[in-house]
């Protein structure tokens, strides 16, 4: 949830402030106090403070936190199920009013890197239903220049790989946190492996990103050293994802990908996709101009945030059905 969409004036609902509800909703998704604070641009202690205040007003704990994990209590699960649709309706009403004031006709141009995953597909469908008079155009943007199309006004918003540290761009929502995968030629020694450790990247040539992408962003997509400090040999640098996959298939190097992009290309017989353990997860985020984003981009950010929440709720229900227990995640 972005700062722009997330910041709200204090609204009292039976003594409960809207910001407290927002903290609870984001925490129920992240199950991590630090990441919740990052999403809402507040400190971890402020998250704890607002959660305690909400629990005091409710009259019982909503979240159980130990040294190993963070999880919702049974009451927290029921409260979440009741709160989610009401909060989504409230945000949709505000977004619709803003859209009417600014106008959401015309066209929404969304840039993306990699494959259009389920989150993005759901968000596009949700936006199209909500704003049928607005045409939606989804276009691929090159690896070499993740932010250029947005700055040139060629797209209204863009889904890009993290990290994003651009002062003129607003990031959020962040979604699709997934393990990293290495694409290699089907003839490569790694192709038969079920998984790799991050340290084994030192034993292959890693395909990098060329062009205008910021140096910090290029290093994140193709690290020069392993987490243990071993140097990773540099392979060729590419401008596009398809170019990188082609070089990997030809045995010219190996390419790091998020799991959803790897799954999208899994049918290519010339490539093998091997999970890599020990690297930070890959994440996607929606970016749009910090100053004067279009009404369409603001409305799509809300639709994407709702689609991500919906997918998380479905996964939560599915996981609880398999284990007979609520969701949990190790606290870090």
C-alpha atoms as a PDB file:
ATOM      1  CA  UNK A   1       0.000   0.000   0.000  1.00  0.00           C
ATOM      2  CA  UNK A   2       1.581   3.249  -1.054  1.00  0.00           C
ATOM      3  CA  UNK A   3       2.033   6.411   0.920  1.00  0.00           C
ATOM      4  CA  UNK A   4      -0.347   8.236  -1.400  1.00  0.00           C
ATOM      5  CA  UNK A   5      -3.075   5.617  -1.193  1.00  0.00           C
ATOM      6  CA  UNK A   6      -2.359   4.638   2.396  1.00  0.00           C
ATOM      7  CA  UNK A   7      -2.207   7.983   4.158  1.00  0.00           C
ATOM      8  CA  UNK A   8      -5.581   8.828   5.632  1.00  0.00           C
ATOM      9  CA  UNK A   9      -6.962  11.475   7.891  1.00  0.00           C
ATOM     10  CA  UNK A  10      -7.995  10.299  11.329  1.00  0.00           C
ATOM     11  CA  UNK A  11     -11.520   8.914  11.051  1.00  0.00           C
ATOM     12  CA  UNK A  12     -13.215   7.636  14.196  1.00  0.00           C
ATOM     13  CA  UNK A  13     -15.413   4.523  13.852  1.00  0.00           C
ATOM     14  CA  UNK A  14     -16.777   3.636  17.243  1.00  0.00           C
ATOM     15  CA  UNK A  15     -13.538   4.879  18.789  1.00  0.00           C
ATOM     16  CA  UNK A  16     -11.367   3.074  16.217  1.00  0.00           C
ATOM     17  CA  UNK A  17      -9.169   5.123  13.922  1.00  0.00           C
ATOM     18  CA  UNK A  18      -8.958   4.302  10.236  1.00  0.00           C
ATOM     19  CA  UNK A  19      -5.150   4.253  10.414  1.00  0.00           C
ATOM     20  CA  UNK A  20      -5.296   1.499  13.046  1.00  0.00           C
ATOM     21  CA  UNK A  21      -7.435  -0.601  10.739  1.00  0.00           C
ATOM     22  CA  UNK A  22      -4.993  -0.007   7.918  1.00  0.00           C
ATOM     23  CA  UNK A  23      -2.090  -1.170  10.093  1.00  0.00           C
ATOM     24  CA  UNK A  24      -3.984  -4.337  10.970  1.00  0.00           C
ATOM     25  CA  UNK A  25      -4.806  -5.056   7.315  1.00  0.00           C
ATOM     26  CA  UNK A  26      -1.235  -4.629   6.130  1.00  0.00           C
ATOM     27  CA  UNK A  27       0.137  -6.621   9.078  1.00  0.00           C
ATOM     28  CA  UNK A  28      -2.300  -9.444   8.317  1.00  0.00           C
ATOM     29  CA  UNK A  29      -0.783  -9.594   4.848  1.00  0.00           C
ATOM     30  CA  UNK A  30       2.895  -9.216   5.726  1.00  0.00           C
ATOM     31  CA  UNK A  31       2.872 -11.062   9.078  1.00  0.00           C
ATOM     32  CA  UNK A  32       5.983  -9.047   9.853  1.00  0.00           C
ATOM     33  CA  UNK A  33       6.090  -5.814  11.882  1.00  0.00           C
ATOM     34  CA  UNK A  34       9.159  -4.407  10.132  1.00  0.00           C
ATOM     35  CA  UNK A  35       7.784  -4.865   6.613  1.00  0.00           C
ATOM     36  CA  UNK A  36       4.427  -3.470   7.706  1.00  0.00           C
ATOM     37  CA  UNK A  37       6.177  -0.316   8.881  1.00  0.00           C
ATOM     38  CA  UNK A  38       8.043  -0.068   5.572  1.00  0.00           C
ATOM     39  CA  UNK A  39       4.820  -0.411   3.605  1.00  0.00           C
ATOM     40  CA  UNK A  40       3.123   2.319   5.621  1.00  0.00           C
ATOM     41  CA  UNK A  41       6.187   4.575   6.024  1.00  0.00           C
ATOM     42  CA  UNK A  42       6.111   4.407   9.822  1.00  0.00           C
ATOM     43  CA  UNK A  43       8.439   2.867  12.383  1.00  0.00           C
ATOM     44  CA  UNK A  44       8.085  -0.685  13.651  1.00  0.00           C
ATOM     45  CA  UNK A  45       7.352   0.660  17.128  1.00  0.00           C
ATOM     46  CA  UNK A  46       4.540   2.808  15.693  1.00  0.00           C
ATOM     47  CA  UNK A  47       3.018  -0.301  14.113  1.00  0.00           C
ATOM     48  CA  UNK A  48       3.098  -2.054  17.486  1.00  0.00           C
ATOM     49  CA  UNK A  49       1.602   0.986  19.197  1.00  0.00           C
ATOM     50  CA  UNK A  50      -1.335   1.264  16.777  1.00  0.00           C
ATOM     51  CA  UNK A  51      -1.980  -2.471  16.930  1.00  0.00           C
ATOM     52  CA  UNK A  52      -2.101  -2.360  20.733  1.00  0.00           C
ATOM     53  CA  UNK A  53      -4.497   0.568  20.554  1.00  0.00           C
ATOM     54  CA  UNK A  54      -6.777  -1.306  18.165  1.00  0.00           C
ATOM     55  CA  UNK A  55      -6.698  -4.436  20.323  1.00  0.00           C
ATOM     56  CA  UNK A  56      -7.545  -2.312  23.380  1.00  0.00           C
ATOM     57  CA  UNK A  57     -10.560  -0.856  21.591  1.00  0.00           C
ATOM     58  CA  UNK A  58     -11.648  -4.300  20.358  1.00  0.00           C
ATOM     59  CA  UNK A  59     -11.100  -5.841  23.784  1.00  0.00           C
ATOM     60  CA  UNK A  60      -8.971  -8.861  22.859  1.00  0.00           C
ATOM     61  CA  UNK A  61      -5.737  -9.722  21.023  1.00  0.00           C
ATOM     62  CA  UNK A  62      -5.913  -9.833  17.227  1.00  0.00           C
ATOM     63  CA  UNK A  63      -2.300 -10.839  16.587  1.00  0.00           C
ATOM     64  CA  UNK A  64      -0.080 -13.354  18.331  1.00  0.00           C
ATOM     65  CA  UNK A  65       3.641 -12.575  18.182  1.00  0.00           C
ATOM     66  CA  UNK A  66       6.460 -14.795  19.435  1.00  0.00           C
ATOM     67  CA  UNK A  67      10.201 -14.790  18.799  1.00  0.00           C
ATOM     68  CA  UNK A  68       9.653 -17.234  15.909  1.00  0.00           C
ATOM     69  CA  UNK A  69       6.527 -16.077  14.124  1.00  0.00           C
ATOM     70  CA  UNK A  70       3.683 -13.627  13.761  1.00  0.00           C
ATOM     71  CA  UNK A  71       0.137 -14.883  13.205  1.00  0.00           C
ATOM     72  CA  UNK A  72      -3.467 -13.810  13.578  1.00  0.00           C
ATOM     73  CA  UNK A  73      -5.516 -15.074  16.495  1.00  0.00           C
ATOM     74  CA  UNK A  74      -8.855 -16.772  15.688  1.00  0.00           C
ATOM     75  CA  UNK A  75     -10.555 -13.464  16.544  1.00  0.00           C
ATOM     76  CA  UNK A  76      -8.106 -11.671  14.270  1.00  0.00           C
ATOM     77  CA  UNK A  77      -8.992 -14.035  11.402  1.00  0.00           C
ATOM     78  CA  UNK A  78     -12.717 -13.371  11.860  1.00  0.00           C
ATOM     79  CA  UNK A  79     -12.169  -9.625  12.183  1.00  0.00           C
ATOM     80  CA  UNK A  80     -10.081  -9.647   8.999  1.00  0.00           C
ATOM     81  CA  UNK A  81     -12.782 -11.517   7.073  1.00  0.00           C
ATOM     82  CA  UNK A  82     -15.369  -8.916   8.104  1.00  0.00           C
ATOM     83  CA  UNK A  83     -13.110  -5.887   7.721  1.00  0.00           C
ATOM     84  CA  UNK A  84     -11.549  -6.604   4.328  1.00  0.00           C
ATOM     85  CA  UNK A  85     -14.627  -6.101   2.112  1.00  0.00           C
ATOM     86  CA  UNK A  86     -15.825  -3.093   4.099  1.00  0.00           C
ATOM     87  CA  UNK A  87     -12.428  -1.404   3.880  1.00  0.00           C
ATOM     88  CA  UNK A  88     -12.123  -2.225   0.160  1.00  0.00           C
ATOM     89  CA  UNK A  89     -15.549  -0.701  -0.456  1.00  0.00           C
ATOM     90  CA  UNK A  90     -14.543   2.442   1.431  1.00  0.00           C
ATOM     91  CA  UNK A  91     -11.346   2.836  -0.587  1.00  0.00           C
ATOM     92  CA  UNK A  92     -13.172   2.103  -3.825  1.00  0.00           C
ATOM     93  CA  UNK A  93     -15.718   4.797  -2.994  1.00  0.00           C
ATOM     94  CA  UNK A  94     -12.985   7.348  -2.366  1.00  0.00           C
ATOM     95  CA  UNK A  95     -11.176   6.302  -5.539  1.00  0.00           C
ATOM     96  CA  UNK A  96     -14.371   6.549  -7.561  1.00  0.00           C
ATOM     97  CA  UNK A  97     -15.032  10.049  -6.244  1.00  0.00           C
ATOM     98  CA  UNK A  98     -11.500  11.114  -7.133  1.00  0.00           C
ATOM     99  CA  UNK A  99     -11.868   9.484 -10.530  1.00  0.00           C
ATOM    100  CA  UNK A 100     -15.103  11.346 -11.191  1.00  0.00           C
ATOM    101  CA  UNK A 101     -13.429  14.585 -10.194  1.00  0.00           C
ATOM    102  CA  UNK A 102     -10.357  14.027 -12.374  1.00  0.00           C
ATOM    103  CA  UNK A 103     -11.836  11.817 -15.063  1.00  0.00           C
ATOM    104  CA  UNK A 104     -10.762   8.242 -15.779  1.00  0.00           C
ATOM    105  CA  UNK A 105     -11.865   8.036 -19.364  1.00  0.00           C
ATOM    106  CA  UNK A 106      -9.301   7.704 -22.112  1.00  0.00           C
ATOM    107  CA  UNK A 107      -6.522   5.169 -21.695  1.00  0.00           C
ATOM    108  CA  UNK A 108      -4.423   3.544 -18.971  1.00  0.00           C
ATOM    109  CA  UNK A 109      -1.004   2.436 -20.192  1.00  0.00           C
ATOM    110  CA  UNK A 110       0.711  -0.097 -17.937  1.00  0.00           C
ATOM    111  CA  UNK A 111       4.324  -1.095 -18.471  1.00  0.00           C
ATOM    112  CA  UNK A 112       5.625  -4.403 -17.162  1.00  0.00           C
ATOM    113  CA  UNK A 113       8.795  -6.467 -17.027  1.00  0.00           C
ATOM    114  CA  UNK A 114       8.823 -10.235 -17.382  1.00  0.00           C
ATOM    115  CA  UNK A 115       5.519 -12.111 -17.483  1.00  0.00           C
ATOM    116  CA  UNK A 116       2.042 -10.820 -16.670  1.00  0.00           C
ATOM    117  CA  UNK A 117       1.389 -12.793 -13.491  1.00  0.00           C
ATOM    118  CA  UNK A 118      -1.886 -13.529 -11.727  1.00  0.00           C
ATOM    119  CA  UNK A 119      -1.757 -10.413  -9.546  1.00  0.00           C
ATOM    120  CA  UNK A 120      -1.410  -8.091 -12.531  1.00  0.00           C
ATOM    121  CA  UNK A 121      -4.014  -9.969 -14.553  1.00  0.00           C
ATOM    122  CA  UNK A 122      -6.537  -9.758 -11.729  1.00  0.00           C
ATOM    123  CA  UNK A 123      -5.848  -6.068 -11.231  1.00  0.00           C
ATOM    124  CA  UNK A 124      -6.372  -5.288 -14.915  1.00  0.00           C
ATOM    125  CA  UNK A 125      -9.696  -7.167 -14.880  1.00  0.00           C
ATOM    126  CA  UNK A 126     -10.801  -5.389 -11.698  1.00  0.00           C
ATOM    127  CA  UNK A 127      -9.875  -1.981 -13.102  1.00  0.00           C
ATOM    128  CA  UNK A 128     -11.647  -2.696 -16.405  1.00  0.00           C
ATOM    129  CA  UNK A 129     -14.859  -3.677 -14.601  1.00  0.00           C
ATOM    130  CA  UNK A 130     -14.739  -0.587 -12.420  1.00  0.00           C
ATOM    131  CA  UNK A 131     -13.894   1.851 -15.228  1.00  0.00           C
ATOM    132  CA  UNK A 132     -15.357   0.423 -18.451  1.00  0.00           C
ATOM    133  CA  UNK A 133     -14.848   3.726 -20.305  1.00  0.00           C
ATOM    134  CA  UNK A 134     -11.077   3.552 -19.847  1.00  0.00           C
ATOM    135  CA  UNK A 135      -9.114   1.482 -22.363  1.00  0.00           C
ATOM    136  CA  UNK A 136      -6.243  -0.521 -20.844  1.00  0.00           C
ATOM    137  CA  UNK A 137      -3.032  -1.139 -22.755  1.00  0.00           C
ATOM    138  CA  UNK A 138      -0.353  -3.410 -21.227  1.00  0.00           C
ATOM    139  CA  UNK A 139       3.064  -3.094 -22.861  1.00  0.00           C
ATOM    140  CA  UNK A 140       6.402  -4.729 -22.097  1.00  0.00           C
ATOM    141  CA  UNK A 141       9.264  -2.468 -21.062  1.00  0.00           C
ATOM    142  CA  UNK A 142      12.882  -3.512 -21.551  1.00  0.00           C
ATOM    143  CA  UNK A 143      15.193  -4.664 -18.789  1.00  0.00           C
ATOM    144  CA  UNK A 144      17.743  -2.072 -19.876  1.00  0.00           C
ATOM    145  CA  UNK A 145      15.516   0.864 -18.930  1.00  0.00           C
ATOM    146  CA  UNK A 146      12.952   0.010 -16.230  1.00  0.00           C
ATOM    147  CA  UNK A 147      11.960   3.613 -15.477  1.00  0.00           C
ATOM    148  CA  UNK A 148      12.506   5.426 -18.773  1.00  0.00           C
ATOM    149  CA  UNK A 149       9.109   4.749 -20.349  1.00  0.00           C
ATOM    150  CA  UNK A 150       7.396   6.145 -17.254  1.00  0.00           C
ATOM    151  CA  UNK A 151       9.541   9.262 -17.191  1.00  0.00           C
ATOM    152  CA  UNK A 152       8.999   9.857 -20.910  1.00  0.00           C
ATOM    153  CA  UNK A 153       5.236   9.612 -20.463  1.00  0.00           C
ATOM    154  CA  UNK A 154       4.948   6.491 -22.618  1.00  0.00           C
ATOM    155  CA  UNK A 155       3.158   4.658 -19.776  1.00  0.00           C
ATOM    156  CA  UNK A 156       1.125   5.893 -16.812  1.00  0.00           C
ATOM    157  CA  UNK A 157       2.556   3.340 -14.385  1.00  0.00           C
ATOM    158  CA  UNK A 158       4.900   0.371 -14.564  1.00  0.00           C
ATOM    159  CA  UNK A 159       5.365  -2.972 -12.820  1.00  0.00           C
ATOM    160  CA  UNK A 160       9.096  -3.459 -12.322  1.00  0.00           C
ATOM    161  CA  UNK A 161      11.483  -5.639 -10.401  1.00  0.00           C
ATOM    162  CA  UNK A 162      12.669  -4.228  -7.089  1.00  0.00           C
ATOM    163  CA  UNK A 163      14.673  -2.502  -5.713  1.00  0.00           C
ATOM    164  CA  UNK A 164      13.357   0.969  -6.593  1.00  0.00           C
ATOM    165  CA  UNK A 165      15.222   3.955  -5.143  1.00  0.00           C
ATOM    166  CA  UNK A 166      14.124   6.791  -7.431  1.00  0.00           C
ATOM    167  CA  UNK A 167      13.194  10.077  -5.746  1.00  0.00           C
ATOM    168  CA  UNK A 168      10.776  11.113  -8.490  1.00  0.00           C
ATOM    169  CA  UNK A 169       8.799   7.865  -8.477  1.00  0.00           C
ATOM    170  CA  UNK A 170       6.193   6.569  -6.040  1.00  0.00           C
ATOM    171  CA  UNK A 171       6.420   2.857  -5.238  1.00  0.00           C
ATOM    172  CA  UNK A 172       3.462   0.729  -4.218  1.00  0.00           C
ATOM    173  CA  UNK A 173       1.955  -1.692  -3.901  1.00  0.00           C
ATOM    174  CA  UNK A 174       4.813  -4.196  -3.646  1.00  0.00           C
ATOM    175  CA  UNK A 175       3.793  -7.762  -4.401  1.00  0.00           C
ATOM    176  CA  UNK A 176       4.752 -11.147  -5.857  1.00  0.00           C
ATOM    177  CA  UNK A 177       7.511 -11.991  -3.371  1.00  0.00           C
ATOM    178  CA  UNK A 178       9.035 -15.184  -4.824  1.00  0.00           C
ATOM    179  CA  UNK A 179      12.215 -17.263  -4.676  1.00  0.00           C
ATOM    180  CA  UNK A 180      14.766 -16.610  -7.398  1.00  0.00           C
ATOM    181  CA  UNK A 181      15.336 -19.071 -10.249  1.00  0.00           C
ATOM    182  CA  UNK A 182      18.349 -19.548 -12.514  1.00  0.00           C
ATOM    183  CA  UNK A 183      17.757 -20.078 -16.238  1.00  0.00           C
ATOM    184  CA  UNK A 184      20.478 -22.187 -17.850  1.00  0.00           C
ATOM    185  CA  UNK A 185      20.931 -24.135 -21.055  1.00  0.00           C
ATOM    186  CA  UNK A 186      19.374 -27.598 -20.987  1.00  0.00           C
ATOM    187  CA  UNK A 187      22.932 -28.861 -21.574  1.00  0.00           C
ATOM    188  CA  UNK A 188      24.392 -27.013 -18.580  1.00  0.00           C
ATOM    189  CA  UNK A 189      25.596 -29.130 -15.610  1.00  0.00           C
ATOM    190  CA  UNK A 190      23.127 -27.255 -13.381  1.00  0.00           C
ATOM    191  CA  UNK A 191      20.171 -28.284 -15.578  1.00  0.00           C
ATOM    192  CA  UNK A 192      19.722 -31.629 -13.827  1.00  0.00           C
ATOM    193  CA  UNK A 193      19.791 -30.124 -10.335  1.00  0.00           C
ATOM    194  CA  UNK A 194      16.658 -29.736  -8.211  1.00  0.00           C
ATOM    195  CA  UNK A 195      18.070 -26.599  -6.586  1.00  0.00           C
ATOM    196  CA  UNK A 196      21.250 -24.561  -6.185  1.00  0.00           C
ATOM    197  CA  UNK A 197      22.795 -22.626  -3.347  1.00  0.00           C
ATOM    198  CA  UNK A 198      23.529 -18.944  -3.872  1.00  0.00           C
ATOM    199  CA  UNK A 199      27.235 -19.715  -3.411  1.00  0.00           C
ATOM    200  CA  UNK A 200      27.161 -21.869  -6.549  1.00  0.00           C
ATOM    201  CA  UNK A 201      26.511 -18.777  -8.667  1.00  0.00           C
ATOM    202  CA  UNK A 202      30.286 -18.343  -8.490  1.00  0.00           C
ATOM    203  CA  UNK A 203      30.527 -21.389 -10.751  1.00  0.00           C
ATOM    204  CA  UNK A 204      28.632 -19.870 -13.699  1.00  0.00           C
ATOM    205  CA  UNK A 205      28.715 -16.731 -15.839  1.00  0.00           C
ATOM    206  CA  UNK A 206      25.782 -14.546 -14.832  1.00  0.00           C
ATOM    207  CA  UNK A 207      24.022 -12.607 -17.575  1.00  0.00           C
ATOM    208  CA  UNK A 208      23.672  -8.947 -16.627  1.00  0.00           C
ATOM    209  CA  UNK A 209      21.588  -5.945 -17.682  1.00  0.00           C
ATOM    210  CA  UNK A 210      22.948  -3.356 -20.103  1.00  0.00           C
ATOM    211  CA  UNK A 211      21.812   0.149 -20.907  1.00  0.00           C
ATOM    212  CA  UNK A 212      20.276   2.883 -18.803  1.00  0.00           C
ATOM    213  CA  UNK A 213      19.142   0.898 -15.766  1.00  0.00           C
ATOM    214  CA  UNK A 214      20.601   2.361 -12.533  1.00  0.00           C
ATOM    215  CA  UNK A 215      23.721   0.617 -11.276  1.00  0.00           C
ATOM    216  CA  UNK A 216      22.090  -0.435  -7.984  1.00  0.00           C
ATOM    217  CA  UNK A 217      19.232  -2.027  -9.924  1.00  0.00           C
ATOM    218  CA  UNK A 218      21.552  -3.888 -12.307  1.00  0.00           C
ATOM    219  CA  UNK A 219      23.592  -5.237  -9.371  1.00  0.00           C
ATOM    220  CA  UNK A 220      20.416  -6.563  -7.743  1.00  0.00           C
ATOM    221  CA  UNK A 221      19.421  -8.481 -10.876  1.00  0.00           C
ATOM    222  CA  UNK A 222      22.920  -9.877 -11.458  1.00  0.00           C
ATOM    223  CA  UNK A 223      25.003  -9.723  -8.252  1.00  0.00           C
ATOM    224  CA  UNK A 224      28.764  -9.514  -8.634  1.00  0.00           C
ATOM    225  CA  UNK A 225      29.430 -11.556  -5.488  1.00  0.00           C
ATOM    226  CA  UNK A 226      27.635 -14.320  -3.634  1.00  0.00           C
ATOM    227  CA  UNK A 227      26.242 -13.706  -0.125  1.00  0.00           C
ATOM    228  CA  UNK A 228      29.431 -15.351   1.182  1.00  0.00           C
ATOM    229  CA  UNK A 229      31.666 -12.982  -0.806  1.00  0.00           C
ATOM    230  CA  UNK A 230      32.717 -15.250  -3.689  1.00  0.00           C
ATOM    231  CA  UNK A 231      33.027 -13.338  -6.988  1.00  0.00           C
ATOM    232  CA  UNK A 232      30.450 -14.217  -9.634  1.00  0.00           C
ATOM    233  CA  UNK A 233      31.862 -14.203 -13.186  1.00  0.00           C
ATOM    234  CA  UNK A 234      30.109 -11.653 -15.397  1.00  0.00           C
ATOM    235  CA  UNK A 235      28.488 -12.919 -18.564  1.00  0.00           C
ATOM    236  CA  UNK A 236      27.135 -10.829 -21.441  1.00  0.00           C
ATOM    237  CA  UNK A 237      24.842  -7.879 -20.691  1.00  0.00           C
ATOM    238  CA  UNK A 238      21.439  -7.760 -22.386  1.00  0.00           C
ATOM    239  CA  UNK A 239      18.790  -5.171 -23.158  1.00  0.00           C
ATOM    240  CA  UNK A 240      15.710  -7.405 -22.970  1.00  0.00           C
ATOM    241  CA  UNK A 241      14.458 -10.498 -21.182  1.00  0.00           C
ATOM    242  CA  UNK A 242      14.100 -12.399 -24.452  1.00  0.00           C
ATOM    243  CA  UNK A 243      17.709 -11.630 -25.343  1.00  0.00           C
ATOM    244  CA  UNK A 244      18.834 -12.949 -21.961  1.00  0.00           C
ATOM    245  CA  UNK A 245      16.811 -16.151 -22.343  1.00  0.00           C
ATOM    246  CA  UNK A 246      18.257 -16.655 -25.813  1.00  0.00           C
ATOM    247  CA  UNK A 247      21.824 -16.329 -24.556  1.00  0.00           C
ATOM    248  CA  UNK A 248      21.101 -18.689 -21.675  1.00  0.00           C
ATOM    249  CA  UNK A 249      19.643 -21.257 -24.073  1.00  0.00           C
ATOM    250  CA  UNK A 250      22.787 -20.951 -26.219  1.00  0.00           C
ATOM    251  CA  UNK A 251      25.015 -21.647 -23.214  1.00  0.00           C
ATOM    252  CA  UNK A 252      26.464 -18.130 -23.131  1.00  0.00           C
ATOM    253  CA  UNK A 253      25.593 -17.622 -19.467  1.00  0.00           C
ATOM    254  CA  UNK A 254      22.919 -18.028 -16.791  1.00  0.00           C
ATOM    255  CA  UNK A 255      20.058 -15.621 -16.066  1.00  0.00           C
ATOM    256  CA  UNK A 256      18.364 -14.945 -12.717  1.00  0.00           C
ATOM    257  CA  UNK A 257      14.562 -14.765 -12.943  1.00  0.00           C
ATOM    258  CA  UNK A 258      11.614 -14.581 -10.602  1.00  0.00           C
ATOM    259  CA  UNK A 259       9.661 -17.829 -10.335  1.00  0.00           C
ATOM    260  CA  UNK A 260       6.562 -16.567 -12.187  1.00  0.00           C
ATOM    261  CA  UNK A 261       8.640 -15.541 -15.214  1.00  0.00           C
ATOM    262  CA  UNK A 262      10.430 -18.893 -15.127  1.00  0.00           C
ATOM    263  CA  UNK A 263       7.083 -20.696 -15.009  1.00  0.00           C
ATOM    264  CA  UNK A 264       5.856 -18.653 -17.978  1.00  0.00           C
ATOM    265  CA  UNK A 265       8.800 -19.877 -20.080  1.00  0.00           C
ATOM    266  CA  UNK A 266       8.970 -23.408 -18.669  1.00  0.00           C
ATOM    267  CA  UNK A 267       7.899 -24.963 -21.971  1.00  0.00           C
ATOM    268  CA  UNK A 268      11.144 -24.037 -23.743  1.00  0.00           C
ATOM    269  CA  UNK A 269      13.005 -27.313 -24.243  1.00  0.00           C
ATOM    270  CA  UNK A 270      16.330 -25.519 -24.672  1.00  0.00           C
ATOM    271  CA  UNK A 271      16.218 -24.086 -21.141  1.00  0.00           C
ATOM    272  CA  UNK A 272      16.160 -25.411 -17.593  1.00  0.00           C
ATOM    273  CA  UNK A 273      14.981 -23.354 -14.622  1.00  0.00           C
ATOM    274  CA  UNK A 274      16.598 -24.210 -11.279  1.00  0.00           C
ATOM    275  CA  UNK A 275      15.539 -22.665  -7.923  1.00  0.00           C
ATOM    276  CA  UNK A 276      18.329 -20.789  -6.100  1.00  0.00           C
ATOM    277  CA  UNK A 277      18.391 -20.921  -2.296  1.00  0.00           C
ATOM    278  CA  UNK A 278      20.040 -18.242  -0.190  1.00  0.00           C
ATOM    279  CA  UNK A 279      19.269 -15.139  -2.285  1.00  0.00           C
ATOM    280  CA  UNK A 280      16.799 -12.411  -1.310  1.00  0.00           C
ATOM    281  CA  UNK A 281      13.383 -13.093  -2.788  1.00  0.00           C
ATOM    282  CA  UNK A 282      12.433 -11.401  -6.015  1.00  0.00           C
ATOM    283  CA  UNK A 283       9.701  -8.760  -5.668  1.00  0.00           C
ATOM    284  CA  UNK A 284       7.638  -6.682  -8.062  1.00  0.00           C
ATOM    285  CA  UNK A 285       6.306  -3.217  -7.423  1.00  0.00           C
ATOM    286  CA  UNK A 286       4.087  -0.684  -9.160  1.00  0.00           C
ATOM    287  CA  UNK A 287       5.746   2.670  -9.808  1.00  0.00           C
ATOM    288  CA  UNK A 288       4.196   5.909 -10.989  1.00  0.00           C
ATOM    289  CA  UNK A 289       5.245   9.565 -10.955  1.00  0.00           C
ATOM    290  CA  UNK A 290       5.463  11.022  -7.477  1.00  0.00           C
ATOM    291  CA  UNK A 291       4.218  14.387  -8.727  1.00  0.00           C
ATOM    292  CA  UNK A 292       0.853  14.532 -10.451  1.00  0.00           C
ATOM    293  CA  UNK A 293       0.229  10.847 -11.236  1.00  0.00           C
ATOM    294  CA  UNK A 294      -2.735  10.343 -13.530  1.00  0.00           C
ATOM    295  CA  UNK A 295      -6.131   9.512 -12.084  1.00  0.00           C
ATOM    296  CA  UNK A 296      -5.969   6.260 -14.028  1.00  0.00           C
ATOM    297  CA  UNK A 297      -2.655   5.298 -12.413  1.00  0.00           C
ATOM    298  CA  UNK A 298      -3.970   6.072  -8.924  1.00  0.00           C
ATOM    299  CA  UNK A 299      -7.077   3.997  -9.562  1.00  0.00           C
ATOM    300  CA  UNK A 300      -5.037   1.099 -10.931  1.00  0.00           C
ATOM    301  CA  UNK A 301      -2.760   1.140  -7.871  1.00  0.00           C
ATOM    302  CA  UNK A 302      -5.866   0.630  -5.739  1.00  0.00           C
ATOM    303  CA  UNK A 303      -7.112  -2.184  -8.003  1.00  0.00           C
ATOM    304  CA  UNK A 304      -3.725  -3.915  -7.816  1.00  0.00           C
ATOM    305  CA  UNK A 305      -3.593  -3.594  -4.035  1.00  0.00           C
ATOM    306  CA  UNK A 306      -7.071  -5.127  -3.775  1.00  0.00           C
ATOM    307  CA  UNK A 307      -6.149  -7.942  -6.187  1.00  0.00           C
ATOM    308  CA  UNK A 308      -3.066  -8.773  -4.112  1.00  0.00           C
ATOM    309  CA  UNK A 309      -5.132  -8.800  -0.922  1.00  0.00           C
ATOM    310  CA  UNK A 310      -7.709 -11.057  -2.567  1.00  0.00           C
ATOM    311  CA  UNK A 311      -5.025 -13.504  -3.706  1.00  0.00           C
ATOM    312  CA  UNK A 312      -3.510 -13.530  -0.229  1.00  0.00           C
ATOM    313  CA  UNK A 313      -6.869 -14.236   1.370  1.00  0.00           C
ATOM    314  CA  UNK A 314      -7.418 -17.154  -1.012  1.00  0.00           C
ATOM    315  CA  UNK A 315      -3.969 -18.533  -0.223  1.00  0.00           C
ATOM    316  CA  UNK A 316      -4.646 -18.107   3.490  1.00  0.00           C
ATOM    317  CA  UNK A 317      -7.895 -20.091   3.243  1.00  0.00           C
ATOM    318  CA  UNK A 318      -6.249 -22.770   1.120  1.00  0.00           C
ATOM    319  CA  UNK A 319      -3.314 -23.063   3.506  1.00  0.00           C
ATOM    320  CA  UNK A 320      -5.572 -23.269   6.542  1.00  0.00           C
ATOM    321  CA  UNK A 321      -7.573 -25.987   4.806  1.00  0.00           C
ATOM    322  CA  UNK A 322      -4.444 -28.058   4.237  1.00  0.00           C
ATOM    323  CA  UNK A 323      -2.982 -27.694   7.712  1.00  0.00           C
ATOM    324  CA  UNK A 324      -6.030 -27.111   9.871  1.00  0.00           C
ATOM    325  CA  UNK A 325      -4.236 -24.107  11.318  1.00  0.00           C
ATOM    326  CA  UNK A 326      -3.910 -20.396  10.637  1.00  0.00           C
ATOM    327  CA  UNK A 327      -1.098 -18.711   8.668  1.00  0.00           C
ATOM    328  CA  UNK A 328       2.278 -18.197  10.221  1.00  0.00           C
ATOM    329  CA  UNK A 329       5.619 -16.770   9.208  1.00  0.00           C
ATOM    330  CA  UNK A 330       8.920 -16.728  11.019  1.00  0.00           C
ATOM    331  CA  UNK A 331       9.575 -13.316  12.543  1.00  0.00           C
ATOM    332  CA  UNK A 332      12.857 -11.715  11.483  1.00  0.00           C
END
